[in-house]
Amino acid sequence: MSDFGPAALVGLCIGFLWGTGCSLAILYSIYLGGYRKAVQDSLLPEKSKRWRETLQKVEQRAAKADEALKKQG
């Protein structure tokens, strides 16, 4: 029984690290897929409705931030 303990512990550690590594690889590939799609959408001559709405929201937030800075300064 004492021979089984260290082997099980090593197997558990390797299995945990393997599973964590695979999970991170999957998350990274999903992230890159979304990033590629965003770059492709930004290069299209005709922007999508969602892209235009998001750009409008970003511009509104930037305008609010500028107003807040002007009030402070």
PDB file of N, CA and C in Angstrom:
ATOM      1  N   MET A   1       0.818  -1.197   0.000  1.00  0.00           N
ATOM      2  CA  MET A   1       0.000   0.000   0.000  1.00  0.00           C
ATOM      3  C   MET A   1       0.857   1.256   0.000  1.00  0.00           C
ATOM      4  N   SER A   2       2.024   1.190   0.602  1.00  0.00           N
ATOM      5  CA  SER A   2       2.866   2.384   0.661  1.00  0.00           C
ATOM      6  C   SER A   2       3.455   2.720  -0.716  1.00  0.00           C
ATOM      7  N   ASP A   3       3.571   1.708  -1.595  1.00  0.00           N
ATOM      8  CA  ASP A   3       4.069   1.975  -2.939  1.00  0.00           C
ATOM      9  C   ASP A   3       3.030   2.688  -3.794  1.00  0.00           C
ATOM     10  N   PHE A   4       1.788   2.506  -3.477  1.00  0.00           N
ATOM     11  CA  PHE A   4       0.712   3.102  -4.265  1.00  0.00           C
ATOM     12  C   PHE A   4       0.557   4.600  -3.978  1.00  0.00           C
ATOM     13  N   GLY A   5       0.828   5.038  -2.768  1.00  0.00           N
ATOM     14  CA  GLY A   5       0.619   6.424  -2.348  1.00  0.00           C
ATOM     15  C   GLY A   5       1.369   7.453  -3.192  1.00  0.00           C
ATOM     16  N   PRO A   6       2.698   7.341  -3.308  1.00  0.00           N
ATOM     17  CA  PRO A   6       3.432   8.330  -4.102  1.00  0.00           C
ATOM     18  C   PRO A   6       3.043   8.313  -5.582  1.00  0.00           C
ATOM     19  N   ALA A   7       2.794   7.125  -6.114  1.00  0.00           N
ATOM     20  CA  ALA A   7       2.398   7.035  -7.516  1.00  0.00           C
ATOM     21  C   ALA A   7       1.044   7.707  -7.733  1.00  0.00           C
ATOM     22  N   ALA A   8       0.140   7.508  -6.795  1.00  0.00           N
ATOM     23  CA  ALA A   8      -1.177   8.144  -6.916  1.00  0.00           C
ATOM     24  C   ALA A   8      -1.055   9.655  -6.809  1.00  0.00           C
ATOM     25  N   LEU A   9      -0.209  10.114  -5.917  1.00  0.00           N
ATOM     26  CA  LEU A   9      -0.013  11.549  -5.748  1.00  0.00           C
ATOM     27  C   LEU A   9       0.594  12.179  -7.002  1.00  0.00           C
ATOM     28  N   VAL A  10       1.591  11.531  -7.570  1.00  0.00           N
ATOM     29  CA  VAL A  10       2.204  12.022  -8.811  1.00  0.00           C
ATOM     30  C   VAL A  10       1.180  12.000  -9.942  1.00  0.00           C
ATOM     31  N   GLY A  11       0.411  10.929 -10.038  1.00  0.00           N
ATOM     32  CA  GLY A  11      -0.619  10.833 -11.069  1.00  0.00           C
ATOM     33  C   GLY A  11      -1.680  11.900 -10.914  1.00  0.00           C
ATOM     34  N   LEU A  12      -2.060  12.168  -9.684  1.00  0.00           N
ATOM     35  CA  LEU A  12      -3.047  13.208  -9.415  1.00  0.00           C
ATOM     36  C   LEU A  12      -2.523  14.580  -9.832  1.00  0.00           C
ATOM     37  N   CYS A  13      -1.283  14.869  -9.477  1.00  0.00           N
ATOM     38  CA  CYS A  13      -0.684  16.167  -9.845  1.00  0.00           C
ATOM     39  C   CYS A  13      -0.567  16.313 -11.358  1.00  0.00           C
ATOM     40  N   ILE A  14      -0.084  15.285 -12.020  1.00  0.00           N
ATOM     41  CA  ILE A  14       0.056  15.347 -13.485  1.00  0.00           C
ATOM     42  C   ILE A  14      -1.315  15.480 -14.132  1.00  0.00           C
ATOM     43  N   GLY A  15      -2.283  14.727 -13.647  1.00  0.00           N
ATOM     44  CA  GLY A  15      -3.632  14.812 -14.202  1.00  0.00           C
ATOM     45  C   GLY A  15      -4.240  16.185 -14.003  1.00  0.00           C
ATOM     46  N   PHE A  16      -4.044  16.751 -12.832  1.00  0.00           N
ATOM     47  CA  PHE A  16      -4.574  18.088 -12.560  1.00  0.00           C
ATOM     48  C   PHE A  16      -3.912  19.123 -13.458  1.00  0.00           C
ATOM     49  N   LEU A  17      -2.599  19.053 -13.588  1.00  0.00           N
ATOM     50  CA  LEU A  17      -1.887  20.008 -14.445  1.00  0.00           C
ATOM     51  C   LEU A  17      -2.287  19.833 -15.912  1.00  0.00           C
ATOM     52  N   TRP A  18      -2.451  18.585 -16.341  1.00  0.00           N
ATOM     53  CA  TRP A  18      -2.865  18.321 -17.723  1.00  0.00           C
ATOM     54  C   TRP A  18      -4.254  18.904 -17.976  1.00  0.00           C
ATOM     55  N   GLY A  19      -5.176  18.680 -17.052  1.00  0.00           N
ATOM     56  CA  GLY A  19      -6.532  19.200 -17.202  1.00  0.00           C
ATOM     57  C   GLY A  19      -6.565  20.723 -17.193  1.00  0.00           C
ATOM     58  N   THR A  20      -5.791  21.329 -16.304  1.00  0.00           N
ATOM     59  CA  THR A  20      -5.720  22.789 -16.249  1.00  0.00           C
ATOM     60  C   THR A  20      -5.130  23.334 -17.539  1.00  0.00           C
ATOM     61  N   GLY A  21      -4.078  22.717 -18.026  1.00  0.00           N
ATOM     62  CA  GLY A  21      -3.452  23.162 -19.274  1.00  0.00           C
ATOM     63  C   GLY A  21      -4.403  23.056 -20.455  1.00  0.00           C
ATOM     64  N   CYS A  22      -5.139  21.967 -20.522  1.00  0.00           N
ATOM     65  CA  CYS A  22      -6.102  21.800 -21.614  1.00  0.00           C
ATOM     66  C   CYS A  22      -7.216  22.839 -21.522  1.00  0.00           C
ATOM     67  N   SER A  23      -7.678  23.101 -20.326  1.00  0.00           N
ATOM     68  CA  SER A  23      -8.730  24.112 -20.143  1.00  0.00           C
ATOM     69  C   SER A  23      -8.240  25.487 -20.571  1.00  0.00           C
ATOM     70  N   LEU A  24      -7.030  25.835 -20.195  1.00  0.00           N
ATOM     71  CA  LEU A  24      -6.472  27.130 -20.593  1.00  0.00           C
ATOM     72  C   LEU A  24      -6.289  27.214 -22.107  1.00  0.00           C
ATOM     73  N   ALA A  25      -5.882  26.123 -22.715  1.00  0.00           N
ATOM     74  CA  ALA A  25      -5.712  26.110 -24.170  1.00  0.00           C
ATOM     75  C   ALA A  25      -7.051  26.331 -24.875  1.00  0.00           C
ATOM     76  N   ILE A  26      -8.087  25.720 -24.361  1.00  0.00           N
ATOM     77  CA  ILE A  26      -9.418  25.885 -24.952  1.00  0.00           C
ATOM     78  C   ILE A  26      -9.903  27.321 -24.780  1.00  0.00           C
ATOM     79  N   LEU A  27      -9.735  27.874 -23.592  1.00  0.00           N
ATOM     80  CA  LEU A  27     -10.147  29.262 -23.364  1.00  0.00           C
ATOM     81  C   LEU A  27      -9.372  30.225 -24.254  1.00  0.00           C
ATOM     82  N   TYR A  28      -8.086  29.973 -24.424  1.00  0.00           N
ATOM     83  CA  TYR A  28      -7.258  30.834 -25.269  1.00  0.00           C
ATOM     84  C   TYR A  28      -7.701  30.753 -26.728  1.00  0.00           C
ATOM     85  N   SER A  29      -8.037  29.561 -27.201  1.00  0.00           N
ATOM     86  CA  SER A  29      -8.480  29.432 -28.592  1.00  0.00           C
ATOM     87  C   SER A  29      -9.825  30.125 -28.796  1.00  0.00           C
ATOM     88  N   ILE A  30     -10.704  30.071 -27.802  1.00  0.00           N
ATOM     89  CA  ILE A  30     -11.976  30.791 -27.893  1.00  0.00           C
ATOM     90  C   ILE A  30     -11.721  32.288 -27.935  1.00  0.00           C
ATOM     91  N   TYR A  31     -10.813  32.764 -27.081  1.00  0.00           N
ATOM     92  CA  TYR A  31     -10.457  34.186 -27.060  1.00  0.00           C
ATOM     93  C   TYR A  31      -9.911  34.625 -28.413  1.00  0.00           C
ATOM     94  N   LEU A  32      -8.994  33.848 -28.975  1.00  0.00           N
ATOM     95  CA  LEU A  32      -8.418  34.217 -30.268  1.00  0.00           C
ATOM     96  C   LEU A  32      -9.463  34.208 -31.378  1.00  0.00           C
ATOM     97  N   GLY A  33     -10.382  33.252 -31.319  1.00  0.00           N
ATOM     98  CA  GLY A  33     -11.447  33.211 -32.323  1.00  0.00           C
ATOM     99  C   GLY A  33     -12.302  34.459 -32.279  1.00  0.00           C
ATOM    100  N   GLY A  34     -12.637  34.912 -31.083  1.00  0.00           N
ATOM    101  CA  GLY A  34     -13.405  36.142 -30.935  1.00  0.00           C
ATOM    102  C   GLY A  34     -12.615  37.346 -31.381  1.00  0.00           C
ATOM    103  N   TYR A  35     -11.324  37.353 -31.089  1.00  0.00           N
ATOM    104  CA  TYR A  35     -10.465  38.475 -31.490  1.00  0.00           C
ATOM    105  C   TYR A  35     -10.358  38.544 -33.011  1.00  0.00           C
ATOM    106  N   ARG A  36     -10.176  37.383 -33.655  1.00  0.00           N
ATOM    107  CA  ARG A  36     -10.093  37.367 -35.119  1.00  0.00           C
ATOM    108  C   ARG A  36     -11.387  37.878 -35.739  1.00  0.00           C
ATOM    109  N   LYS A  37     -12.509  37.459 -35.187  1.00  0.00           N
ATOM    110  CA  LYS A  37     -13.803  37.894 -35.714  1.00  0.00           C
ATOM    111  C   LYS A  37     -13.956  39.402 -35.551  1.00  0.00           C
ATOM    112  N   ALA A  38     -13.520  39.939 -34.433  1.00  0.00           N
ATOM    113  CA  ALA A  38     -13.610  41.382 -34.211  1.00  0.00           C
ATOM    114  C   ALA A  38     -12.743  42.143 -35.208  1.00  0.00           C
ATOM    115  N   VAL A  39     -11.561  41.629 -35.479  1.00  0.00           N
ATOM    116  CA  VAL A  39     -10.682  42.286 -36.453  1.00  0.00           C
ATOM    117  C   VAL A  39     -11.296  42.210 -37.850  1.00  0.00           C
ATOM    118  N   GLN A  40     -11.849  41.067 -38.199  1.00  0.00           N
ATOM    119  CA  GLN A  40     -12.492  40.928 -39.504  1.00  0.00           C
ATOM    120  C   GLN A  40     -13.663  41.889 -39.630  1.00  0.00           C
ATOM    121  N   ASP A  41     -14.481  41.993 -38.592  1.00  0.00           N
ATOM    122  CA  ASP A  41     -15.627  42.911 -38.620  1.00  0.00           C
ATOM    123  C   ASP A  41     -15.180  44.363 -38.744  1.00  0.00           C
ATOM    124  N   SER A  42     -14.077  44.704 -38.094  1.00  0.00           N
ATOM    125  CA  SER A  42     -13.620  46.094 -38.150  1.00  0.00           C
ATOM    126  C   SER A  42     -13.077  46.465 -39.527  1.00  0.00           C
ATOM    127  N   LEU A  43     -12.662  45.467 -40.304  1.00  0.00           N
ATOM    128  CA  LEU A  43     -12.109  45.735 -41.631  1.00  0.00           C
ATOM    129  C   LEU A  43     -13.158  45.729 -42.742  1.00  0.00           C
ATOM    130  N   LEU A  44     -14.377  45.327 -42.419  1.00  0.00           N
ATOM    131  CA  LEU A  44     -15.427  45.310 -43.431  1.00  0.00           C
ATOM    132  C   LEU A  44     -15.797  46.727 -43.847  1.00  0.00           C
ATOM    133  N   PRO A  45     -16.074  46.946 -45.136  1.00  0.00           N
ATOM    134  CA  PRO A  45     -16.481  48.294 -45.564  1.00  0.00           C
ATOM    135  C   PRO A  45     -17.843  48.690 -44.983  1.00  0.00           C
ATOM    136  N   GLU A  46     -18.745  47.728 -44.864  1.00  0.00           N
ATOM    137  CA  GLU A  46     -20.074  47.979 -44.289  1.00  0.00           C
ATOM    138  C   GLU A  46     -20.082  47.384 -42.880  1.00  0.00           C
ATOM    139  N   LYS A  47     -20.156  48.238 -41.885  1.00  0.00           N
ATOM    140  CA  LYS A  47     -20.112  47.780 -40.502  1.00  0.00           C
ATOM    141  C   LYS A  47     -21.469  47.203 -40.091  1.00  0.00           C
ATOM    142  N   SER A  48     -21.422  46.209 -39.201  1.00  0.00           N
ATOM    143  CA  SER A  48     -22.655  45.583 -38.732  1.00  0.00           C
ATOM    144  C   SER A  48     -23.393  46.512 -37.763  1.00  0.00           C
ATOM    145  N   LYS A  49     -24.652  46.213 -37.541  1.00  0.00           N
ATOM    146  CA  LYS A  49     -25.470  47.016 -36.630  1.00  0.00           C
ATOM    147  C   LYS A  49     -24.891  46.973 -35.220  1.00  0.00           C
ATOM    148  N   ARG A  50     -24.488  45.797 -34.788  1.00  0.00           N
ATOM    149  CA  ARG A  50     -23.914  45.647 -33.446  1.00  0.00           C
ATOM    150  C   ARG A  50     -22.634  46.465 -33.305  1.00  0.00           C
ATOM    151  N   TRP A  51     -21.808  46.458 -34.332  1.00  0.00           N
ATOM    152  CA  TRP A  51     -20.564  47.224 -34.302  1.00  0.00           C
ATOM    153  C   TRP A  51     -20.858  48.710 -34.172  1.00  0.00           C
ATOM    154  N   ARG A  52     -21.819  49.200 -34.942  1.00  0.00           N
ATOM    155  CA  ARG A  52     -22.161  50.628 -34.882  1.00  0.00           C
ATOM    156  C   ARG A  52     -22.734  51.011 -33.522  1.00  0.00           C
ATOM    157  N   GLU A  53     -23.583  50.137 -32.955  1.00  0.00           N
ATOM    158  CA  GLU A  53     -24.157  50.409 -31.627  1.00  0.00           C
ATOM    159  C   GLU A  53     -23.069  50.430 -30.553  1.00  0.00           C
ATOM    160  N   THR A  54     -22.135  49.487 -30.636  1.00  0.00           N
ATOM    161  CA  THR A  54     -21.054  49.439 -29.664  1.00  0.00           C
ATOM    162  C   THR A  54     -20.162  50.657 -29.788  1.00  0.00           C
ATOM    163  N   LEU A  55     -19.868  51.081 -31.005  1.00  0.00           N
ATOM    164  CA  LEU A  55     -19.058  52.281 -31.219  1.00  0.00           C
ATOM    165  C   LEU A  55     -19.744  53.506 -30.626  1.00  0.00           C
ATOM    166  N   GLN A  56     -21.052  53.600 -30.792  1.00  0.00           N
ATOM    167  CA  GLN A  56     -21.799  54.721 -30.232  1.00  0.00           C
ATOM    168  C   GLN A  56     -21.709  54.728 -28.707  1.00  0.00           C
ATOM    169  N   LYS A  57     -21.823  53.556 -28.081  1.00  0.00           N
ATOM    170  CA  LYS A  57     -21.714  53.469 -26.626  1.00  0.00           C
ATOM    171  C   LYS A  57     -20.323  53.885 -26.150  1.00  0.00           C
ATOM    172  N   VAL A  58     -19.304  53.438 -26.866  1.00  0.00           N
ATOM    173  CA  VAL A  58     -17.933  53.788 -26.496  1.00  0.00           C
ATOM    174  C   VAL A  58     -17.718  55.294 -26.614  1.00  0.00           C
ATOM    175  N   GLU A  59     -18.235  55.887 -27.673  1.00  0.00           N
ATOM    176  CA  GLU A  59     -18.089  57.333 -27.856  1.00  0.00           C
ATOM    177  C   GLU A  59     -18.829  58.105 -26.769  1.00  0.00           C
ATOM    178  N   GLN A  60     -19.993  57.601 -26.356  1.00  0.00           N
ATOM    179  CA  GLN A  60     -20.732  58.263 -25.276  1.00  0.00           C
ATOM    180  C   GLN A  60     -19.968  58.187 -23.959  1.00  0.00           C
ATOM    181  N   ARG A  61     -19.384  57.051 -23.672  1.00  0.00           N
ATOM    182  CA  ARG A  61     -18.588  56.905 -22.447  1.00  0.00           C
ATOM    183  C   ARG A  61     -17.376  57.832 -22.477  1.00  0.00           C
ATOM    184  N   ALA A  62     -16.739  57.934 -23.640  1.00  0.00           N
ATOM    185  CA  ALA A  62     -15.579  58.813 -23.763  1.00  0.00           C
ATOM    186  C   ALA A  62     -15.989  60.269 -23.557  1.00  0.00           C
ATOM    187  N   ALA A  63     -17.145  60.654 -24.080  1.00  0.00           N
ATOM    188  CA  ALA A  63     -17.627  62.021 -23.908  1.00  0.00           C
ATOM    189  C   ALA A  63     -17.917  62.301 -22.427  1.00  0.00           C
ATOM    190  N   LYS A  64     -18.514  61.338 -21.723  1.00  0.00           N
ATOM    191  CA  LYS A  64     -18.780  61.506 -20.285  1.00  0.00           C
ATOM    192  C   LYS A  64     -17.475  61.645 -19.514  1.00  0.00           C
ATOM    193  N   ALA A  65     -16.479  60.859 -19.879  1.00  0.00           N
ATOM    194  CA  ALA A  65     -15.183  60.931 -19.200  1.00  0.00           C
ATOM    195  C   ALA A  65     -14.526  62.287 -19.445  1.00  0.00           C
ATOM    196  N   ASP A  66     -14.634  62.806 -20.673  1.00  0.00           N
ATOM    197  CA  ASP A  66     -14.086  64.127 -20.978  1.00  0.00           C
ATOM    198  C   ASP A  66     -14.784  65.215 -20.177  1.00  0.00           C
ATOM    199  N   GLU A  67     -16.103  65.125 -20.043  1.00  0.00           N
ATOM    200  CA  GLU A  67     -16.851  66.103 -19.261  1.00  0.00           C
ATOM    201  C   GLU A  67     -16.440  66.069 -17.789  1.00  0.00           C
ATOM    202  N   ALA A  68     -16.242  64.851 -17.268  1.00  0.00           N
ATOM    203  CA  ALA A  68     -15.835  64.712 -15.878  1.00  0.00           C
ATOM    204  C   ALA A  68     -14.444  65.307 -15.651  1.00  0.00           C
ATOM    205  N   LEU A  69     -13.541  65.123 -16.606  1.00  0.00           N
ATOM    206  CA  LEU A  69     -12.204  65.694 -16.489  1.00  0.00           C
ATOM    207  C   LEU A  69     -12.247  67.218 -16.565  1.00  0.00           C
ATOM    208  N   LYS A  70     -13.098  67.757 -17.396  1.00  0.00           N
ATOM    209  CA  LYS A  70     -13.219  69.215 -17.511  1.00  0.00           C
ATOM    210  C   LYS A  70     -13.776  69.823 -16.234  1.00  0.00           C
ATOM    211  N   LYS A  71     -14.694  69.114 -15.569  1.00  0.00           N
ATOM    212  CA  LYS A  71     -15.249  69.603 -14.304  1.00  0.00           C
ATOM    213  C   LYS A  71     -14.197  69.601 -13.205  1.00  0.00           C
ATOM    214  N   GLN A  72     -13.318  68.605 -13.228  1.00  0.00           N
ATOM    215  CA  GLN A  72     -12.281  68.509 -12.211  1.00  0.00           C
ATOM    216  C   GLN A  72     -11.178  69.553 -12.432  1.00  0.00           C
ATOM    217  N   GLY A  73     -10.877  69.780 -13.678  1.00  0.00           N
ATOM    218  CA  GLY A  73      -9.721  70.624 -14.004  1.00  0.00           C
ATOM    219  C   GLY A  73     -10.072  72.007 -14.217  1.00  0.00           C
TER     220      GLY A  73
END
